[in-house]
Amino acid sequence: MALVRGHWGIENKSHWVRDVVFYEDRSQVQNSNIAQFMAAFRNLAVTLIRLFVNNKISESIRFLNSKPELAFNLVLAKH
């Protein structure tokens, strides 16, 4: 039972960030392949931010929006 709760805790945390921070539920993408790519890209962004910036995703997104060169370096793994 604890394993199931742990899974849903991770799942809910991931979906909450993608929905609230990236507005995933409001997406207008119709093509399922593109929707899957965008979900993977959002997951990559969240993972990179958590690994190299901090766990405050919204705050980090605002910071990286003001410094796009840092965001680009995260993707290229230049830190």
PDB file of N, CA and C in Angstrom:
ATOM      1  N   MET A   1       0.815  -1.198   0.000  1.00  0.00           N
ATOM      2  CA  MET A   1       0.000   0.000   0.000  1.00  0.00           C
ATOM      3  C   MET A   1       0.860   1.263   0.000  1.00  0.00           C
ATOM      4  N   ALA A   2       1.950   1.244   0.779  1.00  0.00           N
ATOM      5  CA  ALA A   2       2.841   2.408   0.838  1.00  0.00           C
ATOM      6  C   ALA A   2       3.487   2.648  -0.524  1.00  0.00           C
ATOM      7  N   LEU A   3       3.783   1.572  -1.241  1.00  0.00           N
ATOM      8  CA  LEU A   3       4.369   1.706  -2.576  1.00  0.00           C
ATOM      9  C   LEU A   3       3.398   2.414  -3.521  1.00  0.00           C
ATOM     10  N   VAL A   4       2.142   2.057  -3.445  1.00  0.00           N
ATOM     11  CA  VAL A   4       1.127   2.700  -4.285  1.00  0.00           C
ATOM     12  C   VAL A   4       0.996   4.179  -3.929  1.00  0.00           C
ATOM     13  N   ARG A   5       0.945   4.485  -2.635  1.00  0.00           N
ATOM     14  CA  ARG A   5       0.858   5.887  -2.202  1.00  0.00           C
ATOM     15  C   ARG A   5       2.083   6.665  -2.647  1.00  0.00           C
ATOM     16  N   GLY A   6       3.255   6.042  -2.550  1.00  0.00           N
ATOM     17  CA  GLY A   6       4.487   6.698  -2.992  1.00  0.00           C
ATOM     18  C   GLY A   6       4.457   7.005  -4.473  1.00  0.00           C
ATOM     19  N   HIS A   7       3.966   6.038  -5.252  1.00  0.00           N
ATOM     20  CA  HIS A   7       3.843   6.251  -6.700  1.00  0.00           C
ATOM     21  C   HIS A   7       2.926   7.416  -7.009  1.00  0.00           C
ATOM     22  N   TRP A   8       1.768   7.453  -6.364  1.00  0.00           N
ATOM     23  CA  TRP A   8       0.813   8.529  -6.635  1.00  0.00           C
ATOM     24  C   TRP A   8       1.315   9.868  -6.135  1.00  0.00           C
ATOM     25  N   GLY A   9       2.109   9.869  -5.066  1.00  0.00           N
ATOM     26  CA  GLY A   9       2.698  11.118  -4.591  1.00  0.00           C
ATOM     27  C   GLY A   9       3.632  11.707  -5.629  1.00  0.00           C
ATOM     28  N   ILE A  10       4.470  10.861  -6.212  1.00  0.00           N
ATOM     29  CA  ILE A  10       5.386  11.315  -7.269  1.00  0.00           C
ATOM     30  C   ILE A  10       4.594  11.738  -8.494  1.00  0.00           C
ATOM     31  N   GLU A  11       3.629  10.925  -8.862  1.00  0.00           N
ATOM     32  CA  GLU A  11       2.809  11.215 -10.044  1.00  0.00           C
ATOM     33  C   GLU A  11       2.063  12.535  -9.887  1.00  0.00           C
ATOM     34  N   ASN A  12       1.443  12.742  -8.738  1.00  0.00           N
ATOM     35  CA  ASN A  12       0.699  13.983  -8.506  1.00  0.00           C
ATOM     36  C   ASN A  12       1.619  15.187  -8.488  1.00  0.00           C
ATOM     37  N   LYS A  13       2.792  15.060  -7.890  1.00  0.00           N
ATOM     38  CA  LYS A  13       3.752  16.162  -7.845  1.00  0.00           C
ATOM     39  C   LYS A  13       4.172  16.558  -9.260  1.00  0.00           C
ATOM     40  N   SER A  14       4.459  15.565 -10.083  1.00  0.00           N
ATOM     41  CA  SER A  14       4.874  15.821 -11.465  1.00  0.00           C
ATOM     42  C   SER A  14       3.750  16.481 -12.259  1.00  0.00           C
ATOM     43  N   HIS A  15       2.555  15.932 -12.177  1.00  0.00           N
ATOM     44  CA  HIS A  15       1.433  16.485 -12.938  1.00  0.00           C
ATOM     45  C   HIS A  15       1.053  17.876 -12.447  1.00  0.00           C
ATOM     46  N   TRP A  16       1.131  18.089 -11.155  1.00  0.00           N
ATOM     47  CA  TRP A  16       0.789  19.407 -10.612  1.00  0.00           C
ATOM     48  C   TRP A  16       1.731  20.464 -11.168  1.00  0.00           C
ATOM     49  N   VAL A  17       3.019  20.183 -11.168  1.00  0.00           N
ATOM     50  CA  VAL A  17       3.992  21.151 -11.700  1.00  0.00           C
ATOM     51  C   VAL A  17       3.732  21.405 -13.172  1.00  0.00           C
ATOM     52  N   ARG A  18       3.530  20.341 -13.944  1.00  0.00           N
ATOM     53  CA  ARG A  18       3.312  20.532 -15.383  1.00  0.00           C
ATOM     54  C   ARG A  18       2.026  21.300 -15.648  1.00  0.00           C
ATOM     55  N   ASP A  19       1.006  21.079 -14.842  1.00  0.00           N
ATOM     56  CA  ASP A  19      -0.259  21.778 -15.070  1.00  0.00           C
ATOM     57  C   ASP A  19      -0.211  23.213 -14.566  1.00  0.00           C
ATOM     58  N   VAL A  20       0.258  23.430 -13.360  1.00  0.00           N
ATOM     59  CA  VAL A  20       0.224  24.761 -12.754  1.00  0.00           C
ATOM     60  C   VAL A  20       1.301  25.668 -13.329  1.00  0.00           C
ATOM     61  N   VAL A  21       2.520  25.168 -13.490  1.00  0.00           N
ATOM     62  CA  VAL A  21       3.625  26.006 -13.961  1.00  0.00           C
ATOM     63  C   VAL A  21       3.611  26.144 -15.478  1.00  0.00           C
ATOM     64  N   PHE A  22       3.371  25.047 -16.170  1.00  0.00           N
ATOM     65  CA  PHE A  22       3.432  25.059 -17.635  1.00  0.00           C
ATOM     66  C   PHE A  22       2.049  25.084 -18.296  1.00  0.00           C
ATOM     67  N   TYR A  23       0.989  25.132 -17.517  1.00  0.00           N
ATOM     68  CA  TYR A  23      -0.391  25.192 -18.045  1.00  0.00           C
ATOM     69  C   TYR A  23      -0.670  24.069 -19.040  1.00  0.00           C
ATOM     70  N   GLU A  24      -0.222  22.866 -18.725  1.00  0.00           N
ATOM     71  CA  GLU A  24      -0.353  21.749 -19.654  1.00  0.00           C
ATOM     72  C   GLU A  24      -1.809  21.441 -20.001  1.00  0.00           C
ATOM     73  N   ASP A  25      -2.716  21.566 -19.045  1.00  0.00           N
ATOM     74  CA  ASP A  25      -4.122  21.262 -19.333  1.00  0.00           C
ATOM     75  C   ASP A  25      -4.753  22.249 -20.311  1.00  0.00           C
ATOM     76  N   ARG A  26      -4.160  23.422 -20.445  1.00  0.00           N
ATOM     77  CA  ARG A  26      -4.693  24.428 -21.374  1.00  0.00           C
ATOM     78  C   ARG A  26      -4.096  24.321 -22.775  1.00  0.00           C
ATOM     79  N   SER A  27      -3.229  23.345 -22.971  1.00  0.00           N
ATOM     80  CA  SER A  27      -2.530  23.199 -24.241  1.00  0.00           C
ATOM     81  C   SER A  27      -3.516  23.034 -25.394  1.00  0.00           C
ATOM     82  N   GLN A  28      -3.208  23.669 -26.504  1.00  0.00           N
ATOM     83  CA  GLN A  28      -4.048  23.593 -27.701  1.00  0.00           C
ATOM     84  C   GLN A  28      -3.522  22.554 -28.702  1.00  0.00           C
ATOM     85  N   VAL A  29      -2.499  21.811 -28.313  1.00  0.00           N
ATOM     86  CA  VAL A  29      -1.893  20.828 -29.214  1.00  0.00           C
ATOM     87  C   VAL A  29      -2.895  19.720 -29.497  1.00  0.00           C
ATOM     88  N   GLN A  30      -3.113  19.445 -30.763  1.00  0.00           N
ATOM     89  CA  GLN A  30      -4.064  18.424 -31.182  1.00  0.00           C
ATOM     90  C   GLN A  30      -3.387  17.100 -31.536  1.00  0.00           C
ATOM     91  N   ASN A  31      -2.175  17.169 -32.055  1.00  0.00           N
ATOM     92  CA  ASN A  31      -1.444  15.985 -32.484  1.00  0.00           C
ATOM     93  C   ASN A  31      -0.883  15.260 -31.266  1.00  0.00           C
ATOM     94  N   SER A  32      -1.192  13.963 -31.120  1.00  0.00           N
ATOM     95  CA  SER A  32      -0.760  13.235 -29.922  1.00  0.00           C
ATOM     96  C   SER A  32       0.754  13.082 -29.863  1.00  0.00           C
ATOM     97  N   ASN A  33       1.428  12.985 -31.013  1.00  0.00           N
ATOM     98  CA  ASN A  33       2.884  12.882 -31.005  1.00  0.00           C
ATOM     99  C   ASN A  33       3.512  14.163 -30.466  1.00  0.00           C
ATOM    100  N   ILE A  34       2.995  15.296 -30.882  1.00  0.00           N
ATOM    101  CA  ILE A  34       3.514  16.574 -30.400  1.00  0.00           C
ATOM    102  C   ILE A  34       3.195  16.737 -28.920  1.00  0.00           C
ATOM    103  N   ALA A  35       2.010  16.330 -28.493  1.00  0.00           N
ATOM    104  CA  ALA A  35       1.637  16.417 -27.079  1.00  0.00           C
ATOM    105  C   ALA A  35       2.579  15.569 -26.226  1.00  0.00           C
ATOM    106  N   GLN A  36       2.926  14.379 -26.687  1.00  0.00           N
ATOM    107  CA  GLN A  36       3.859  13.529 -25.949  1.00  0.00           C
ATOM    108  C   GLN A  36       5.245  14.161 -25.905  1.00  0.00           C
ATOM    109  N   PHE A  37       5.684  14.748 -27.011  1.00  0.00           N
ATOM    110  CA  PHE A  37       6.974  15.424 -27.036  1.00  0.00           C
ATOM    111  C   PHE A  37       6.992  16.586 -26.052  1.00  0.00           C
ATOM    112  N   MET A  38       5.936  17.384 -26.052  1.00  0.00           N
ATOM    113  CA  MET A  38       5.873  18.539 -25.148  1.00  0.00           C
ATOM    114  C   MET A  38       5.879  18.091 -23.686  1.00  0.00           C
ATOM    115  N   ALA A  39       5.179  17.009 -23.364  1.00  0.00           N
ATOM    116  CA  ALA A  39       5.183  16.484 -21.989  1.00  0.00           C
ATOM    117  C   ALA A  39       6.592  16.041 -21.607  1.00  0.00           C
ATOM    118  N   ALA A  40       7.273  15.369 -22.520  1.00  0.00           N
ATOM    119  CA  ALA A  40       8.647  14.939 -22.250  1.00  0.00           C
ATOM    120  C   ALA A  40       9.566  16.143 -22.084  1.00  0.00           C
ATOM    121  N   PHE A  41       9.379  17.157 -22.911  1.00  0.00           N
ATOM    122  CA  PHE A  41      10.198  18.367 -22.825  1.00  0.00           C
ATOM    123  C   PHE A  41       9.956  19.086 -21.497  1.00  0.00           C
ATOM    124  N   ARG A  42       8.709  19.159 -21.064  1.00  0.00           N
ATOM    125  CA  ARG A  42       8.397  19.775 -19.761  1.00  0.00           C
ATOM    126  C   ARG A  42       9.026  18.982 -18.620  1.00  0.00           C
ATOM    127  N   ASN A  43       8.965  17.653 -18.709  1.00  0.00           N
ATOM    128  CA  ASN A  43       9.594  16.813 -17.682  1.00  0.00           C
ATOM    129  C   ASN A  43      11.103  17.044 -17.642  1.00  0.00           C
ATOM    130  N   LEU A  44      11.720  17.171 -18.814  1.00  0.00           N
ATOM    131  CA  LEU A  44      13.152  17.454 -18.878  1.00  0.00           C
ATOM    132  C   LEU A  44      13.462  18.797 -18.219  1.00  0.00           C
ATOM    133  N   ALA A  45      12.657  19.807 -18.518  1.00  0.00           N
ATOM    134  CA  ALA A  45      12.867  21.132 -17.929  1.00  0.00           C
ATOM    135  C   ALA A  45      12.771  21.073 -16.411  1.00  0.00           C
ATOM    136  N   VAL A  46      11.757  20.402 -15.892  1.00  0.00           N
ATOM    137  CA  VAL A  46      11.580  20.294 -14.441  1.00  0.00           C
ATOM    138  C   VAL A  46      12.754  19.544 -13.822  1.00  0.00           C
ATOM    139  N   THR A  47      13.186  18.463 -14.454  1.00  0.00           N
ATOM    140  CA  THR A  47      14.312  17.682 -13.939  1.00  0.00           C
ATOM    141  C   THR A  47      15.588  18.506 -13.903  1.00  0.00           C
ATOM    142  N   LEU A  48      15.887  19.228 -14.989  1.00  0.00           N
ATOM    143  CA  LEU A  48      17.097  20.055 -15.027  1.00  0.00           C
ATOM    144  C   LEU A  48      17.050  21.153 -13.972  1.00  0.00           C
ATOM    145  N   ILE A  49      15.892  21.765 -13.814  1.00  0.00           N
ATOM    146  CA  ILE A  49      15.764  22.823 -12.801  1.00  0.00           C
ATOM    147  C   ILE A  49      15.966  22.246 -11.408  1.00  0.00           C
ATOM    148  N   ARG A  50      15.361  21.109 -11.127  1.00  0.00           N
ATOM    149  CA  ARG A  50      15.512  20.505  -9.791  1.00  0.00           C
ATOM    150  C   ARG A  50      16.951  20.078  -9.526  1.00  0.00           C
ATOM    151  N   LEU A  51      17.640  19.590 -10.553  1.00  0.00           N
ATOM    152  CA  LEU A  51      19.017  19.137 -10.374  1.00  0.00           C
ATOM    153  C   LEU A  51      20.002  20.291 -10.217  1.00  0.00           C
ATOM    154  N   PHE A  52      19.846  21.326 -11.037  1.00  0.00           N
ATOM    155  CA  PHE A  52      20.889  22.342 -11.128  1.00  0.00           C
ATOM    156  C   PHE A  52      20.508  23.718 -10.599  1.00  0.00           C
ATOM    157  N   VAL A  53      19.242  23.968 -10.334  1.00  0.00           N
ATOM    158  CA  VAL A  53      18.843  25.295  -9.844  1.00  0.00           C
ATOM    159  C   VAL A  53      18.306  25.129  -8.430  1.00  0.00           C
ATOM    160  N   ASN A  54      17.036  24.793  -8.289  1.00  0.00           N
ATOM    161  CA  ASN A  54      16.450  24.488  -6.978  1.00  0.00           C
ATOM    162  C   ASN A  54      15.077  23.872  -7.169  1.00  0.00           C
ATOM    163  N   ASN A  55      14.414  23.533  -6.085  1.00  0.00           N
ATOM    164  CA  ASN A  55      13.106  22.884  -6.164  1.00  0.00           C
ATOM    165  C   ASN A  55      11.955  23.859  -6.311  1.00  0.00           C
ATOM    166  N   LYS A  56      12.221  25.136  -6.306  1.00  0.00           N
ATOM    167  CA  LYS A  56      11.171  26.139  -6.489  1.00  0.00           C
ATOM    168  C   LYS A  56      11.023  26.390  -7.996  1.00  0.00           C
ATOM    169  N   ILE A  57      10.224  25.553  -8.632  1.00  0.00           N
ATOM    170  CA  ILE A  57      10.140  25.537 -10.089  1.00  0.00           C
ATOM    171  C   ILE A  57       9.645  26.874 -10.637  1.00  0.00           C
ATOM    172  N   SER A  58       8.564  27.414 -10.099  1.00  0.00           N
ATOM    173  CA  SER A  58       8.011  28.678 -10.615  1.00  0.00           C
ATOM    174  C   SER A  58       9.021  29.810 -10.488  1.00  0.00           C
ATOM    175  N   GLU A  59       9.661  29.903  -9.335  1.00  0.00           N
ATOM    176  CA  GLU A  59      10.671  30.942  -9.113  1.00  0.00           C
ATOM    177  C   GLU A  59      11.835  30.769 -10.089  1.00  0.00           C
ATOM    178  N   SER A  60      12.265  29.547 -10.302  1.00  0.00           N
ATOM    179  CA  SER A  60      13.370  29.268 -11.211  1.00  0.00           C
ATOM    180  C   SER A  60      13.005  29.596 -12.649  1.00  0.00           C
ATOM    181  N   ILE A  61      11.775  29.291 -13.044  1.00  0.00           N
ATOM    182  CA  ILE A  61      11.326  29.604 -14.409  1.00  0.00           C
ATOM    183  C   ILE A  61      11.370  31.115 -14.631  1.00  0.00           C
ATOM    184  N   ARG A  62      10.870  31.878 -13.664  1.00  0.00           N
ATOM    185  CA  ARG A  62      10.912  33.349 -13.801  1.00  0.00           C
ATOM    186  C   ARG A  62      12.350  33.846 -13.907  1.00  0.00           C
ATOM    187  N   PHE A  63      13.235  33.297 -13.091  1.00  0.00           N
ATOM    188  CA  PHE A  63      14.638  33.696 -13.131  1.00  0.00           C
ATOM    189  C   PHE A  63      15.252  33.349 -14.483  1.00  0.00           C
ATOM    190  N   LEU A  64      15.030  32.122 -14.954  1.00  0.00           N
ATOM    191  CA  LEU A  64      15.610  31.696 -16.228  1.00  0.00           C
ATOM    192  C   LEU A  64      15.002  32.438 -17.413  1.00  0.00           C
ATOM    193  N   ASN A  65      13.760  32.885 -17.300  1.00  0.00           N
ATOM    194  CA  ASN A  65      13.165  33.703 -18.365  1.00  0.00           C
ATOM    195  C   ASN A  65      13.913  35.018 -18.532  1.00  0.00           C
ATOM    196  N   SER A  66      14.436  35.543 -17.425  1.00  0.00           N
ATOM    197  CA  SER A  66      15.172  36.811 -17.500  1.00  0.00           C
ATOM    198  C   SER A  66      16.621  36.604 -17.931  1.00  0.00           C
ATOM    199  N   LYS A  67      17.097  35.353 -17.920  1.00  0.00           N
ATOM    200  CA  LYS A  67      18.472  35.040 -18.301  1.00  0.00           C
ATOM    201  C   LYS A  67      18.474  33.798 -19.197  1.00  0.00           C
ATOM    202  N   PRO A  68      18.018  33.950 -20.432  1.00  0.00           N
ATOM    203  CA  PRO A  68      17.883  32.782 -21.307  1.00  0.00           C
ATOM    204  C   PRO A  68      19.197  32.057 -21.587  1.00  0.00           C
ATOM    205  N   GLU A  69      20.320  32.774 -21.514  1.00  0.00           N
ATOM    206  CA  GLU A  69      21.602  32.102 -21.755  1.00  0.00           C
ATOM    207  C   GLU A  69      21.874  31.035 -20.683  1.00  0.00           C
ATOM    208  N   LEU A  70      21.427  31.283 -19.450  1.00  0.00           N
ATOM    209  CA  LEU A  70      21.583  30.276 -18.402  1.00  0.00           C
ATOM    210  C   LEU A  70      20.698  29.062 -18.667  1.00  0.00           C
ATOM    211  N   ALA A  71      19.484  29.302 -19.131  1.00  0.00           N
ATOM    212  CA  ALA A  71      18.579  28.193 -19.465  1.00  0.00           C
ATOM    213  C   ALA A  71      19.185  27.352 -20.591  1.00  0.00           C
ATOM    214  N   PHE A  72      19.748  28.020 -21.581  1.00  0.00           N
ATOM    215  CA  PHE A  72      20.371  27.313 -22.699  1.00  0.00           C
ATOM    216  C   PHE A  72      21.547  26.477 -22.208  1.00  0.00           C
ATOM    217  N   ASN A  73      22.339  27.031 -21.283  1.00  0.00           N
ATOM    218  CA  ASN A  73      23.465  26.286 -20.726  1.00  0.00           C
ATOM    219  C   ASN A  73      23.008  25.072 -19.924  1.00  0.00           C
ATOM    220  N   LEU A  74      21.857  25.168 -19.264  1.00  0.00           N
ATOM    221  CA  LEU A  74      21.315  24.004 -18.563  1.00  0.00           C
ATOM    222  C   LEU A  74      21.034  22.870 -19.524  1.00  0.00           C
ATOM    223  N   VAL A  75      20.433  23.191 -20.647  1.00  0.00           N
ATOM    224  CA  VAL A  75      20.091  22.171 -21.639  1.00  0.00           C
ATOM    225  C   VAL A  75      21.369  21.543 -22.214  1.00  0.00           C
ATOM    226  N   LEU A  76      22.384  22.376 -22.401  1.00  0.00           N
ATOM    227  CA  LEU A  76      23.648  21.867 -22.933  1.00  0.00           C
ATOM    228  C   LEU A  76      24.540  21.275 -21.841  1.00  0.00           C
ATOM    229  N   ALA A  77      24.081  21.330 -20.573  1.00  0.00           N
ATOM    230  CA  ALA A  77      24.815  20.797 -19.425  1.00  0.00           C
ATOM    231  C   ALA A  77      26.145  21.499 -19.228  1.00  0.00           C
ATOM    232  N   LYS A  78      26.155  22.819 -19.445  1.00  0.00           N
ATOM    233  CA  LYS A  78      27.354  23.624 -19.184  1.00  0.00           C
ATOM    234  C   LYS A  78      27.114  24.408 -17.901  1.00  0.00           C
ATOM    235  N   HIS A  79      27.604  23.894 -16.791  1.00  0.00           N
ATOM    236  CA  HIS A  79      27.412  24.602 -15.533  1.00  0.00           C
ATOM    237  C   HIS A  79      28.696  24.752 -14.810  1.00  0.00           C
TER     238      HIS A  79
END
